[in-house]
Amino acid sequence: MTAPADVAAPAAALPSVRARLPSLTGARWWAALAVFVLHALVLLPAYPFQKSELFRRIHQDFLPMQLGAAGVTFFFVLSGFIIYWSFRPGSSTRAFYRRRVLKIYPTHLVAAAAFIVVAAVPVGRIVLWLPNVLLIHTWWPKWTTVGGLNVPSWSLVSEMLFYLSFPLALPLVRRIPSRWLLAAIAGAGLFILALHLVYFLGFDGPRGIANAFAPRLVPGDTSPPAELHASPAWFAQPDIPVLRSYWSSYDFPLSRLPEFYVGVLAARAVLEGQWRSTRLVPALMAAFLAYVASWVVPIDFKMSALEVVPMAALIATLAARDMRGLGGVSSSRVMVWFGEVSFAFYLIQFPVMVLITRYVIAGRRFGLLGWLGCAALCFALALAAAAVIYHGVDKPLMRRFARAR
């Protein structure tokens, strides 16, 4: 199985040796860190802090749900950018799929196994873990499956769809004239906004613009032994419905597919000279303003729709800077290492939080400083575990099996 001959692009557009992009590798860390900060805030049940007015103000006014969602949007757009950047004309489709599966599944399975152990998941109830392990669980609008196991793994279902579709859609992507690439990116951004508008108008869900309040609180001011997503009460429920508008706009893999192809188009734009800007400040400001705008729109638009095109501009700018040797903070050796372990860090963070909740937080009382200490402990352990997974599992497997012998 090889890519069809008609997908080959001119050599000038697809050079055989492309520039390394250390800034994008390092930038992955900042996105993973945003997800961690949000998760540490809402998934560490440090009582009475999580029940205080201070917590509500911090969560709703300064660190809302869309903070972590912005990191996921960055990952999705970056995924499309890197996949196109690294793809070679004539490459074997089978080899492409093998590399993608090797990059995703081993780390995912390690994190899933860790969660099953630390959360004492009842493995006899297959619906809780098998859809998650197979990475098919967000195709159904049921929290029994969507949130049944390691919470961050929901995004991997979309990633697997991205990878499956890429060799099939590549001929269509290549047929877009180079001069239309930026217009195509803008058009994709408008399509995403229109799609979310359809979900907003057509399905039940919140209509207000207030930031979502996420913690699932239980009675009492003493910290419980587990956050709801990792508690026996959660695992015992026969079914947990979700708001259809929220699931459709955020979790449903087909809804996130355009974000991946915005990244693909951005990679083409950089490679073919349609995006030349190396000015980082305007790109950062565009992403920041899109994030600020999320405060004044309904939740269907808060979590990704406003930020896709600004994220693409930021990623394209970082890549253009790397091509010109400009570099920056994210391209340093230390930041590149953080970026390399960021995928494992992203997946292992919640199992670590469940572990710390069970053995450190449970049965105790914590204020703001206590929560900060628990979050710092989770950060240190998750980073150490991520380094072990990356160097002990990911790299050896990729080195041994990523290429046909």
Protein backbone atom coordinates (compact mmCIF):
# COMPACT_ATOMS: atom_id res chain seq x y z
CA MET A 1 0.00 0.00 0.00
CA THR A 2 1.62 3.20 -1.16
CA ALA A 3 0.37 6.70 -1.70
CA PRO A 4 -1.14 7.12 -5.18
CA ALA A 5 1.12 8.70 -7.76
CA ASP A 6 -1.25 11.59 -8.33
CA VAL A 7 -0.73 12.93 -4.79
CA ALA A 8 2.89 13.83 -5.46
CA ALA A 9 3.53 17.57 -5.29
CA PRO A 10 6.29 19.57 -6.96
CA ALA A 11 9.71 19.15 -5.43
CA ALA A 12 9.83 22.85 -4.58
CA ALA A 13 6.72 22.47 -2.45
CA LEU A 14 7.74 19.19 -0.83
CA PRO A 15 11.52 19.09 -0.35
CA SER A 16 12.95 15.71 0.60
CA VAL A 17 14.69 17.18 3.65
CA ARG A 18 12.70 19.64 5.71
CA ALA A 19 13.76 21.93 8.49
CA ARG A 20 13.54 20.67 12.04
CA LEU A 21 10.94 22.48 14.12
CA PRO A 22 12.21 22.59 17.72
CA SER A 23 9.97 25.53 18.60
CA LEU A 24 6.88 23.47 17.84
CA THR A 25 8.20 20.57 19.90
CA GLY A 26 8.79 22.92 22.83
CA ALA A 27 5.42 24.61 22.36
CA ARG A 28 3.69 21.29 22.95
CA TRP A 29 4.77 21.55 26.56
CA TRP A 30 2.94 24.84 27.12
CA ALA A 31 -0.27 23.29 25.78
CA ALA A 32 0.14 20.22 28.02
CA LEU A 33 0.85 22.49 30.99
CA ALA A 34 -2.37 24.45 30.38
CA VAL A 35 -4.32 21.18 30.48
CA PHE A 36 -2.54 20.15 33.70
CA VAL A 37 -3.28 23.46 35.46
CA LEU A 38 -6.98 23.20 34.63
CA HIS A 39 -7.15 19.54 35.65
CA ALA A 40 -5.27 20.15 38.90
CA LEU A 41 -7.79 22.86 39.75
CA VAL A 42 -10.95 20.86 39.07
CA LEU A 43 -9.90 17.21 39.52
CA LEU A 44 -8.06 17.43 42.86
CA PRO A 45 -10.93 17.36 45.43
CA ALA A 46 -9.18 19.46 48.07
CA TYR A 47 -11.97 20.45 50.49
CA PRO A 48 -12.99 22.93 51.75
CA PHE A 49 -10.96 24.89 49.17
CA GLN A 50 -13.01 23.53 46.25
CA LYS A 51 -16.18 24.64 48.02
CA SER A 52 -15.00 28.16 48.79
CA GLU A 53 -15.94 31.38 47.05
CA LEU A 54 -12.23 31.91 46.37
CA PHE A 55 -12.14 28.70 44.35
CA ARG A 56 -15.23 29.69 42.39
CA ARG A 57 -13.68 33.06 41.53
CA ILE A 58 -10.37 31.49 40.49
CA HIS A 59 -12.07 28.87 38.34
CA GLN A 60 -14.74 30.98 36.68
CA ASP A 61 -12.89 34.27 36.33
CA PHE A 62 -9.24 33.33 35.82
CA LEU A 63 -8.79 29.62 35.00
CA PRO A 64 -12.02 28.46 33.32
CA MET A 65 -12.61 25.24 31.43
CA GLN A 66 -11.53 26.77 28.12
CA LEU A 67 -7.96 27.06 29.43
CA GLY A 68 -7.44 23.31 29.09
CA ALA A 69 -9.57 23.24 25.94
CA ALA A 70 -7.25 25.79 24.33
CA GLY A 71 -4.36 23.41 24.91
CA VAL A 72 -6.29 20.60 23.20
CA THR A 73 -7.13 22.84 20.24
CA PHE A 74 -3.45 23.67 19.90
CA PHE A 75 -2.63 19.94 19.91
CA PHE A 76 -5.20 19.18 17.21
CA VAL A 77 -4.01 21.93 14.86
CA LEU A 78 -0.37 21.10 15.58
CA SER A 79 -1.06 17.44 14.84
CA GLY A 80 -2.22 18.28 11.31
CA PHE A 81 0.74 20.59 10.79
CA ILE A 82 3.34 18.04 11.87
CA ILE A 83 1.74 15.12 10.04
CA TYR A 84 1.84 16.99 6.74
CA TRP A 85 5.30 18.40 7.43
CA SER A 86 6.80 14.98 8.08
CA PHE A 87 4.91 13.04 5.37
CA ARG A 88 6.94 12.05 2.32
CA PRO A 89 5.43 11.53 -1.16
CA GLY A 90 5.42 7.86 -2.00
CA SER A 91 5.56 6.78 1.62
CA SER A 92 3.81 3.54 2.45
CA THR A 93 0.34 4.08 3.86
CA ARG A 94 0.79 0.95 5.95
CA ALA A 95 4.02 2.33 7.41
CA PHE A 96 2.29 5.63 8.16
CA TYR A 97 -0.47 3.89 10.11
CA ARG A 98 2.05 1.70 11.92
CA ARG A 99 4.02 4.73 13.13
CA ARG A 100 0.89 6.55 14.27
CA VAL A 101 -0.42 3.53 16.20
CA LEU A 102 2.98 3.01 17.81
CA LYS A 103 3.12 6.65 18.81
CA ILE A 104 -0.32 6.65 20.43
CA TYR A 105 -1.28 3.24 21.79
CA PRO A 106 1.64 2.12 23.99
CA THR A 107 1.66 5.32 26.07
CA HIS A 108 -2.14 5.33 26.16
CA LEU A 109 -2.24 1.72 27.39
CA VAL A 110 0.32 2.40 30.12
CA ALA A 111 -1.73 5.36 31.37
CA ALA A 112 -4.98 3.38 31.14
CA ALA A 113 -3.49 0.49 33.13
CA ALA A 114 -2.20 2.93 35.74
CA PHE A 115 -5.67 4.45 36.09
CA ILE A 116 -7.37 1.06 36.38
CA VAL A 117 -5.01 0.13 39.22
CA VAL A 118 -5.05 3.37 41.23
CA ALA A 119 -8.81 3.94 40.79
CA ALA A 120 -9.72 0.29 41.42
CA VAL A 121 -11.86 0.22 38.28
CA PRO A 122 -14.28 -2.78 38.32
CA VAL A 123 -12.88 -4.53 35.25
CA GLY A 124 -15.82 -6.91 35.16
CA ARG A 125 -17.92 -4.04 33.80
CA ILE A 126 -16.44 -3.92 30.33
CA VAL A 127 -18.27 -0.78 29.18
CA LEU A 128 -16.16 1.25 31.61
CA TRP A 129 -12.79 0.41 30.13
CA LEU A 130 -12.88 -1.50 26.82
CA PRO A 131 -14.16 1.40 24.62
CA ASN A 132 -11.51 3.61 26.21
CA VAL A 133 -8.71 1.11 25.68
CA LEU A 134 -9.73 0.72 22.03
CA LEU A 135 -10.02 4.52 21.65
CA ILE A 136 -13.58 4.50 20.37
CA HIS A 137 -15.32 5.82 23.48
CA THR A 138 -16.19 9.39 22.38
CA TRP A 139 -18.22 8.22 19.39
CA TRP A 140 -21.24 7.78 21.76
CA PRO A 141 -22.79 10.64 23.75
CA LYS A 142 -22.72 8.75 27.04
CA TRP A 143 -20.48 9.68 29.95
CA THR A 144 -20.40 6.00 30.91
CA THR A 145 -17.97 5.61 28.02
CA VAL A 146 -16.78 9.18 27.33
CA GLY A 147 -15.60 9.66 30.91
CA GLY A 148 -15.37 6.04 31.96
CA LEU A 149 -11.62 5.76 32.35
CA ASN A 150 -8.58 8.05 32.02
CA VAL A 151 -10.20 11.42 31.30
CA PRO A 152 -7.53 13.01 29.02
CA SER A 153 -7.61 10.05 26.63
CA TRP A 154 -10.84 11.33 25.07
CA SER A 155 -8.81 13.46 22.64
CA LEU A 156 -6.96 10.41 21.29
CA VAL A 157 -10.15 9.15 19.64
CA SER A 158 -10.12 12.27 17.49
CA GLU A 159 -6.40 11.85 16.83
CA MET A 160 -6.95 8.33 15.54
CA LEU A 161 -9.62 9.62 13.16
CA PHE A 162 -7.19 12.30 11.97
CA TYR A 163 -4.52 9.73 11.19
CA LEU A 164 -6.95 7.33 9.53
CA SER A 165 -8.26 10.05 7.23
CA PHE A 166 -4.96 11.68 6.28
CA PRO A 167 -3.69 9.35 3.51
CA LEU A 168 -7.22 9.24 2.08
CA ALA A 169 -7.74 13.01 2.07
CA LEU A 170 -4.22 13.94 1.01
CA PRO A 171 -4.96 13.98 -2.75
CA LEU A 172 -7.77 16.50 -2.13
CA VAL A 173 -5.56 18.65 0.08
CA ARG A 174 -2.85 18.71 -2.58
CA ARG A 175 -5.29 19.87 -5.26
CA ILE A 176 -5.86 23.21 -3.52
CA PRO A 177 -3.84 25.82 -5.45
CA SER A 178 -1.02 27.28 -3.43
CA ARG A 179 -2.33 30.83 -3.76
CA TRP A 180 -5.63 29.79 -2.18
CA LEU A 181 -4.19 28.19 0.94
CA LEU A 182 -4.70 31.13 3.29
CA ALA A 183 -8.24 31.61 1.98
CA ALA A 184 -8.86 27.89 2.53
CA ILE A 185 -7.71 28.21 6.15
CA ALA A 186 -10.05 31.17 6.69
CA GLY A 187 -12.88 29.25 5.02
CA ALA A 188 -12.27 26.25 7.28
CA GLY A 189 -12.41 28.57 10.28
CA LEU A 190 -15.78 29.93 9.14
CA PHE A 191 -17.03 26.39 8.56
CA ILE A 192 -16.09 25.45 12.13
CA LEU A 193 -17.99 28.47 13.49
CA ALA A 194 -21.03 27.59 11.36
CA LEU A 195 -20.90 23.97 12.53
CA HIS A 196 -20.89 25.03 16.17
CA LEU A 197 -23.77 27.41 15.49
CA VAL A 198 -25.79 24.47 14.15
CA TYR A 199 -25.04 22.50 17.33
CA PHE A 200 -25.95 25.50 19.47
CA LEU A 201 -29.30 26.04 17.75
CA GLY A 202 -30.18 22.41 17.13
CA PHE A 203 -29.37 20.61 20.38
CA ASP A 204 -30.15 21.07 24.05
CA GLY A 205 -27.48 22.79 26.09
CA PRO A 206 -26.54 25.96 28.01
CA ARG A 207 -27.51 29.21 26.29
CA GLY A 208 -25.74 31.66 28.60
CA ILE A 209 -22.20 32.97 28.28
CA ALA A 210 -21.04 32.27 31.84
CA ASN A 211 -17.90 30.16 32.16
CA ALA A 212 -18.65 26.56 33.11
CA PHE A 213 -18.22 25.45 36.71
CA ALA A 214 -16.78 21.94 36.48
CA PRO A 215 -16.07 20.34 39.90
CA ARG A 216 -18.39 17.51 40.93
CA LEU A 217 -18.81 18.17 44.65
CA VAL A 218 -19.89 15.72 47.35
CA PRO A 219 -21.26 16.56 50.82
CA GLY A 220 -18.98 17.62 53.67
CA ASP A 221 -15.89 19.76 54.10
CA THR A 222 -13.44 16.88 54.43
CA SER A 223 -11.70 15.83 51.22
CA PRO A 224 -13.21 12.65 49.71
CA PRO A 225 -11.06 9.62 48.79
CA ALA A 226 -11.65 10.15 45.05
CA GLU A 227 -12.83 12.76 42.57
CA LEU A 228 -16.15 11.73 41.07
CA HIS A 229 -14.59 10.51 37.79
CA ALA A 230 -12.57 7.95 39.77
CA SER A 231 -15.05 7.00 42.48
CA PRO A 232 -17.01 3.77 42.98
CA ALA A 233 -20.24 5.78 42.68
CA TRP A 234 -19.25 6.86 39.18
CA PHE A 235 -18.35 3.36 38.05
CA ALA A 236 -21.59 1.92 39.45
CA GLN A 237 -23.96 4.14 37.47
CA PRO A 238 -25.78 2.27 34.67
CA ASP A 239 -25.76 5.26 32.32
CA ILE A 240 -24.63 8.88 32.41
CA PRO A 241 -26.14 11.05 29.65
CA VAL A 242 -24.37 14.16 28.40
CA LEU A 243 -25.58 17.46 26.99
CA ARG A 244 -25.86 16.78 23.25
CA SER A 245 -24.67 20.26 22.20
CA TYR A 246 -21.55 20.02 24.38
CA TRP A 247 -20.66 16.50 23.24
CA SER A 248 -21.27 17.37 19.59
CA SER A 249 -19.08 20.47 19.65
CA TYR A 250 -16.28 19.21 21.90
CA ASP A 251 -16.02 15.41 22.13
CA PHE A 252 -17.45 14.15 18.83
CA PRO A 253 -14.42 13.23 16.67
CA LEU A 254 -15.93 14.34 13.35
CA SER A 255 -16.48 17.82 14.79
CA ARG A 256 -12.77 18.15 15.55
CA LEU A 257 -11.60 16.85 12.16
CA PRO A 258 -11.58 20.32 10.50
CA GLU A 259 -9.10 21.55 13.14
CA PHE A 260 -6.60 18.91 12.03
CA TYR A 261 -6.92 19.96 8.39
CA VAL A 262 -6.48 23.62 9.29
CA GLY A 263 -3.08 22.49 10.60
CA VAL A 264 -2.42 20.54 7.40
CA LEU A 265 -3.20 23.61 5.28
CA ALA A 266 -1.02 25.77 7.52
CA ALA A 267 1.91 23.40 6.96
CA ARG A 268 1.42 23.65 3.20
CA ALA A 269 1.27 27.44 3.47
CA VAL A 270 4.62 27.58 5.26
CA LEU A 271 6.31 25.06 2.97
CA GLU A 272 5.09 26.80 -0.17
CA GLY A 273 5.93 30.32 0.95
CA GLN A 274 2.37 31.51 1.45
CA TRP A 275 3.04 32.16 5.15
CA ARG A 276 6.29 34.05 5.67
CA SER A 277 5.63 36.02 8.85
CA THR A 278 8.12 35.45 11.67
CA ARG A 279 6.61 38.09 13.96
CA LEU A 280 5.70 36.19 17.08
CA VAL A 281 4.01 38.99 19.05
CA PRO A 282 1.06 39.49 16.62
CA ALA A 283 0.48 35.72 16.47
CA LEU A 284 0.51 35.45 20.27
CA MET A 285 -1.82 38.43 20.57
CA ALA A 286 -4.28 36.89 18.11
CA ALA A 287 -4.38 33.65 20.12
CA PHE A 288 -4.74 35.60 23.38
CA LEU A 289 -7.56 37.79 22.06
CA ALA A 290 -9.42 34.72 20.78
CA TYR A 291 -9.07 33.23 24.27
CA VAL A 292 -10.37 36.43 25.88
CA ALA A 293 -13.31 36.46 23.46
CA SER A 294 -14.32 33.05 24.79
CA TRP A 295 -15.60 34.79 27.93
CA VAL A 296 -18.49 36.39 26.02
CA VAL A 297 -19.83 33.50 23.89
CA PRO A 298 -21.89 30.39 24.75
CA ILE A 299 -20.06 27.24 25.81
CA ASP A 300 -20.42 25.68 22.34
CA PHE A 301 -17.99 28.32 21.07
CA LYS A 302 -15.79 28.69 24.15
CA MET A 303 -13.96 25.39 23.89
CA SER A 304 -12.37 25.53 20.43
CA ALA A 305 -14.21 27.34 17.63
CA LEU A 306 -12.79 30.82 18.21
CA GLU A 307 -9.19 29.69 18.58
CA VAL A 308 -8.54 27.34 15.66
CA VAL A 309 -7.34 29.90 13.09
CA PRO A 310 -5.30 31.98 15.60
CA MET A 311 -3.62 28.75 16.79
CA ALA A 312 -2.79 27.91 13.18
CA ALA A 313 -1.25 31.35 12.73
CA LEU A 314 0.83 30.89 15.88
CA ILE A 315 2.03 27.43 14.80
CA ALA A 316 2.86 28.64 11.28
CA THR A 317 4.81 31.58 12.71
CA LEU A 318 6.85 29.34 15.01
CA ALA A 319 7.62 27.04 12.08
CA ALA A 320 8.64 29.97 9.87
CA ARG A 321 10.96 31.20 12.63
CA ASP A 322 12.57 27.77 12.90
CA MET A 323 13.09 27.66 9.13
CA ARG A 324 14.95 30.95 9.34
CA GLY A 325 16.98 29.93 12.37
CA LEU A 326 15.36 32.51 14.67
CA GLY A 327 14.40 30.08 17.42
CA GLY A 328 13.31 31.37 20.80
CA VAL A 329 12.45 30.15 24.29
CA SER A 330 10.50 27.13 23.06
CA SER A 331 13.36 25.91 20.86
CA SER A 332 15.89 25.53 23.67
CA ARG A 333 17.20 22.06 24.46
CA VAL A 334 15.36 21.97 27.79
CA MET A 335 12.05 22.99 26.25
CA VAL A 336 12.44 20.46 23.45
CA TRP A 337 12.84 17.72 26.07
CA PHE A 338 9.73 18.94 27.88
CA GLY A 339 7.91 18.86 24.55
CA GLU A 340 9.06 15.31 23.89
CA VAL A 341 7.64 14.04 27.19
CA SER A 342 4.50 16.19 26.95
CA PHE A 343 2.31 13.47 25.43
CA ALA A 344 3.08 11.04 28.23
CA PHE A 345 2.68 13.87 30.75
CA TYR A 346 -0.72 14.73 29.28
CA LEU A 347 -1.96 11.14 29.65
CA ILE A 348 -0.45 10.17 33.02
CA GLN A 349 -1.46 13.34 34.91
CA PHE A 350 -4.95 12.14 35.89
CA PRO A 351 -3.86 8.71 37.19
CA VAL A 352 -1.27 10.55 39.29
CA MET A 353 -3.96 12.91 40.61
CA VAL A 354 -6.14 9.92 41.53
CA LEU A 355 -3.18 8.39 43.36
CA ILE A 356 -2.40 11.59 45.31
CA THR A 357 -6.08 12.05 46.14
CA ARG A 358 -6.29 8.54 47.52
CA TYR A 359 -3.16 8.61 49.67
CA VAL A 360 -2.55 12.30 50.47
CA ILE A 361 -5.76 14.31 50.09
CA ALA A 362 -8.45 11.88 51.30
CA GLY A 363 -9.80 12.56 54.77
CA ARG A 364 -7.91 15.84 55.20
CA ARG A 365 -8.82 19.52 54.90
CA PHE A 366 -7.03 21.92 52.57
CA GLY A 367 -7.12 25.61 51.80
CA LEU A 368 -5.51 27.40 48.86
CA LEU A 369 -1.93 26.70 49.97
CA GLY A 370 -2.74 23.05 50.67
CA TRP A 371 -4.20 22.66 47.19
CA LEU A 372 -1.13 24.33 45.68
CA GLY A 373 1.12 21.87 47.52
CA CYS A 374 -0.91 18.88 46.30
CA ALA A 375 -0.86 20.25 42.73
CA ALA A 376 2.93 20.71 42.90
CA LEU A 377 3.35 17.12 44.13
CA CYS A 378 1.16 15.86 41.26
CA PHE A 379 3.20 17.88 38.79
CA ALA A 380 6.50 16.46 39.99
CA LEU A 381 5.27 12.85 40.00
CA ALA A 382 3.52 13.17 36.64
CA LEU A 383 6.64 14.66 35.04
CA ALA A 384 8.84 11.89 36.46
CA ALA A 385 6.39 9.22 35.28
CA ALA A 386 6.20 10.86 31.84
CA ALA A 387 9.98 10.79 31.52
CA VAL A 388 10.03 7.08 32.40
CA ILE A 389 7.27 6.30 29.88
CA TYR A 390 8.87 8.34 27.10
CA HIS A 391 12.41 7.02 27.55
CA GLY A 392 11.44 3.51 28.63
CA VAL A 393 8.45 2.77 26.40
CA ASP A 394 7.89 5.28 23.61
CA LYS A 395 11.43 5.78 22.30
CA PRO A 396 12.47 2.11 22.38
CA LEU A 397 9.28 0.98 20.61
CA MET A 398 9.53 3.68 17.96
CA ARG A 399 13.21 2.91 17.40
CA ARG A 400 12.51 -0.82 17.04
CA PHE A 401 9.20 -0.94 15.16
CA ALA A 402 8.52 2.43 13.50
CA ARG A 403 10.32 1.41 10.33
CA ALA A 404 10.02 -1.88 8.47
CA ARG A 405 13.06 -4.05 9.00
